[in-house]
Protein backbone atom coordinates (compact mmCIF):
# COMPACT_ATOMS: atom_id res chain seq x y z
CA MET A 1 -11.37 25.10 -42.91
CA ALA A 2 -13.41 24.10 -39.84
CA ARG A 3 -12.81 25.97 -36.63
CA ARG A 4 -12.34 24.09 -33.39
CA ASP A 5 -15.51 25.46 -31.82
CA THR A 6 -17.87 24.42 -34.59
CA PRO A 7 -20.66 21.96 -33.72
CA ASP A 8 -18.91 19.24 -35.75
CA ALA A 9 -15.64 19.81 -33.90
CA ARG A 10 -17.42 19.78 -30.54
CA GLN A 11 -19.16 16.53 -31.51
CA ALA A 12 -15.84 14.96 -32.54
CA ASN A 13 -14.23 16.09 -29.28
CA HIS A 14 -17.20 14.72 -27.33
CA GLN A 15 -16.93 11.37 -29.14
CA ALA A 16 -13.20 11.19 -28.47
CA ALA A 17 -13.80 11.95 -24.78
CA GLU A 18 -16.46 9.22 -24.63
CA ASN A 19 -14.06 6.72 -26.23
CA ILE A 20 -11.33 7.61 -23.74
CA GLU A 21 -13.77 7.27 -20.84
CA ALA A 22 -14.88 3.85 -22.12
CA ILE A 23 -11.29 2.61 -22.32
CA LEU A 24 -10.46 3.96 -18.87
CA LYS A 25 -13.60 2.31 -17.47
CA LEU A 26 -12.57 -1.04 -18.96
CA GLU A 27 -9.07 -0.69 -17.49
CA LYS A 28 -10.48 0.22 -14.08
CA GLU A 29 -12.77 -2.83 -14.21
CA ALA A 30 -9.78 -5.02 -15.09
CA GLU A 31 -7.88 -3.51 -12.14
CA GLN A 32 -10.80 -4.27 -9.80
CA GLU A 33 -10.80 -7.91 -10.95
CA LEU A 34 -7.30 -8.32 -9.52
CA SER A 35 -6.95 -9.92 -6.12
CA ALA A 36 -6.39 -7.71 -3.09
CA PHE A 37 -2.80 -8.96 -2.92
CA HIS A 38 -2.16 -7.89 -6.54
CA ARG A 39 -3.68 -4.46 -5.95
CA LEU A 40 -1.56 -4.04 -2.81
CA SER A 41 1.59 -5.15 -4.62
CA HIS A 42 0.82 -2.72 -7.47
CA ALA A 43 0.40 0.13 -5.00
CA PHE A 44 3.62 -0.80 -3.24
CA GLY A 45 5.46 -1.28 -6.55
CA GLY A 46 4.25 2.14 -7.64
CA PHE A 47 5.43 3.76 -4.40
CA VAL A 48 8.86 2.14 -4.69
CA GLY A 49 9.45 4.01 -7.93
CA THR A 50 9.03 7.46 -6.35
CA ILE A 51 11.46 9.97 -4.89
CA TYR A 52 9.61 9.64 -1.58
CA PHE A 53 10.68 6.01 -1.30
CA ALA A 54 14.29 6.88 -2.16
CA VAL A 55 14.35 9.59 0.52
CA LEU A 56 12.67 7.29 3.06
CA GLN A 57 15.20 4.54 2.26
CA CYS A 58 18.15 6.92 2.72
CA VAL A 59 16.78 8.27 5.99
CA ALA A 60 16.20 4.74 7.33
CA VAL A 61 19.71 3.55 6.41
CA LEU A 62 21.32 6.68 7.87
CA ALA A 63 19.29 6.28 11.07
CA TRP A 64 20.35 2.63 11.29
CA ILE A 65 24.00 3.55 10.82
CA GLY A 66 23.67 6.41 13.31
CA ALA A 67 22.06 4.12 15.89
CA ASN A 68 24.82 1.55 15.46
CA THR A 69 27.77 3.93 15.57
CA GLY A 70 26.72 5.52 18.87
CA PHE A 71 25.56 8.76 17.24
CA PHE A 72 22.37 8.74 19.32
CA GLY A 73 24.20 7.72 22.50
CA ASN A 74 22.89 4.17 22.58
CA ALA A 75 24.64 0.80 22.47
CA PRO A 76 24.92 -0.60 18.94
CA PHE A 77 22.71 -3.62 18.17
CA ASP A 78 24.27 -4.18 14.70
CA PRO A 79 27.91 -3.07 14.95
CA TYR A 80 30.04 -2.18 11.93
CA PRO A 81 30.09 -3.63 9.20
CA PHE A 82 26.32 -3.82 9.84
CA PRO A 83 25.62 -7.46 8.82
CA LEU A 84 21.96 -7.27 9.91
CA LEU A 85 21.43 -4.13 7.80
CA ALA A 86 23.05 -5.83 4.80
CA THR A 87 20.82 -8.87 5.23
CA LEU A 88 17.67 -6.75 5.55
CA LEU A 89 18.61 -4.66 2.50
CA ALA A 90 19.24 -7.82 0.46
CA LEU A 91 15.85 -9.23 1.50
CA GLU A 92 14.24 -5.90 0.68
CA ALA A 93 15.86 -5.90 -2.77
CA VAL A 94 14.43 -9.35 -3.52
CA LEU A 95 10.95 -8.36 -2.35
CA LEU A 96 10.99 -5.02 -4.15
CA THR A 97 12.08 -6.72 -7.35
CA SER A 98 9.17 -9.13 -7.02
CA PHE A 99 6.66 -6.32 -6.46
CA VAL A 100 7.99 -4.35 -9.40
CA LEU A 101 7.90 -7.43 -11.66
CA ILE A 102 4.32 -8.23 -10.62
CA ARG A 103 3.33 -4.67 -11.50
CA GLN A 104 5.29 -4.80 -14.77
CA ASN A 105 3.57 -8.05 -15.81
CA THR A 106 0.17 -6.47 -15.27
CA MET A 107 1.21 -3.39 -17.24
CA ASP A 108 2.45 -5.65 -20.05
CA ARG A 109 -0.91 -7.42 -20.19
CA ARG A 110 -2.68 -4.04 -20.30
CA SER A 111 -0.35 -2.94 -23.10
CA GLU A 112 -1.09 -6.14 -25.04
CA ARG A 113 -4.83 -5.50 -24.71
CA ARG A 114 -4.36 -1.94 -25.95
CA ASN A 115 -2.25 -3.16 -28.86
CA HIS A 116 -4.93 -5.68 -29.76
CA LEU A 117 -7.56 -2.94 -29.62
CA ASP A 118 -5.35 -0.70 -31.81
CA LEU A 119 -4.99 -3.52 -34.33
CA GLN A 120 -8.74 -4.09 -34.45
CA ILE A 121 -9.40 -0.37 -34.94
CA ASN A 122 -6.73 -0.13 -37.64
CA LEU A 123 -8.17 -3.13 -39.48
CA LEU A 124 -11.64 -1.61 -39.28
CA ALA A 125 -10.34 1.75 -40.55
CA GLU A 126 -8.54 -0.02 -43.42
CA LYS A 127 -11.72 -1.86 -44.34
CA GLU A 128 -13.69 1.41 -44.24
CA ALA A 129 -11.09 3.17 -46.42
CA THR A 130 -11.22 0.32 -48.94
CA SER A 131 -15.00 0.54 -49.00
CA ILE A 132 -14.86 4.33 -49.52
CA LEU A 133 -12.40 3.94 -52.41
CA ASN A 134 -14.71 1.42 -54.05
CA VAL A 135 -17.76 3.68 -53.62
CA VAL A 136 -15.85 6.64 -55.09
CA ARG A 137 -14.77 4.47 -58.04
CA GLU A 138 -18.39 3.38 -58.59
CA ILE A 139 -19.59 6.99 -58.42
CA ALA A 140 -16.95 8.00 -60.95
CA GLU A 141 -18.05 5.17 -63.25
CA HIS A 142 -21.72 6.10 -62.83
CA LEU A 143 -21.00 9.75 -63.62
CA LYS A 144 -18.73 8.66 -66.47
CA VAL A 145 -15.77 10.56 -65.02
CA ASP A 146 -12.60 9.61 -66.82
CA VAL A 147 -10.06 8.61 -64.16
CA ALA A 148 -6.53 7.75 -65.23
CA PRO A 149 -5.55 4.20 -64.34
CA ASP A 150 -3.44 4.04 -61.21
CA PRO A 151 -2.05 0.65 -60.10
CA GLU A 152 -1.52 1.86 -56.54
CA ARG A 153 -5.14 3.07 -56.23
CA GLU A 154 -6.34 -0.24 -57.67
CA ALA A 155 -4.27 -2.16 -55.11
CA LEU A 156 -5.58 0.02 -52.28
CA SER A 157 -9.18 -0.55 -53.32
CA LYS A 158 -8.80 -4.32 -52.73
CA ASP A 159 -9.16 -5.98 -49.34
CA THR A 160 -5.88 -6.20 -47.49
CA PRO A 161 -4.79 -9.82 -46.97
CA VAL A 162 -3.95 -9.49 -43.26
CA GLU A 163 -2.95 -13.14 -42.85
CA ASP A 164 -0.49 -12.90 -45.76
CA ILE A 165 1.04 -9.71 -44.36
CA ALA A 166 1.40 -11.33 -40.93
CA ARG A 167 3.07 -14.41 -42.46
CA ASP A 168 5.45 -12.23 -44.50
CA LEU A 169 6.33 -10.20 -41.41
CA ARG A 170 6.98 -13.34 -39.37
CA ALA A 171 9.16 -14.79 -42.16
CA LYS A 172 11.23 -11.58 -42.38
CA GLU A 173 11.65 -11.53 -38.59
CA GLU A 174 12.87 -15.14 -38.66
CA GLU A 175 15.31 -14.31 -41.48
CA GLN A 176 16.82 -11.49 -39.42
CA SER A 177 17.26 -13.62 -36.30
């Protein structure tokens, strides 16, 4: 059993780190390709989802109510039931929803790219595994090793018909809907 600090393990960890860095670099480049408005809306949409924004929002509303109930000793500019505050909060809700949806759409596109990359890697790994099974079978034949017939192994050593699987999956999804 290989230990984690062996040269092979260190090489594998190094390769994994390089792969992660490459993916992060591609994502950062994609982020930089966005317009300044999109980057700003992403930053704002990200801030809106924090506890800091919730606290800031509560403090602002309480200050508004305090200022309009005479708590600070001033004349109210938006007396109870605070119609101006309600209007501003409704406008804020619409804008915040838009910022969050813009950010979510970008995250969805990033997720789709990652899923596509995962699919490509999985297809490549499946092709490599099929090739390895075929090489092992050929080695066994060459060395005249008697291997018991196994229908599952035979099926796995053939190329996977990806298009057929995709069509079958789509048909089953349509049946269920």
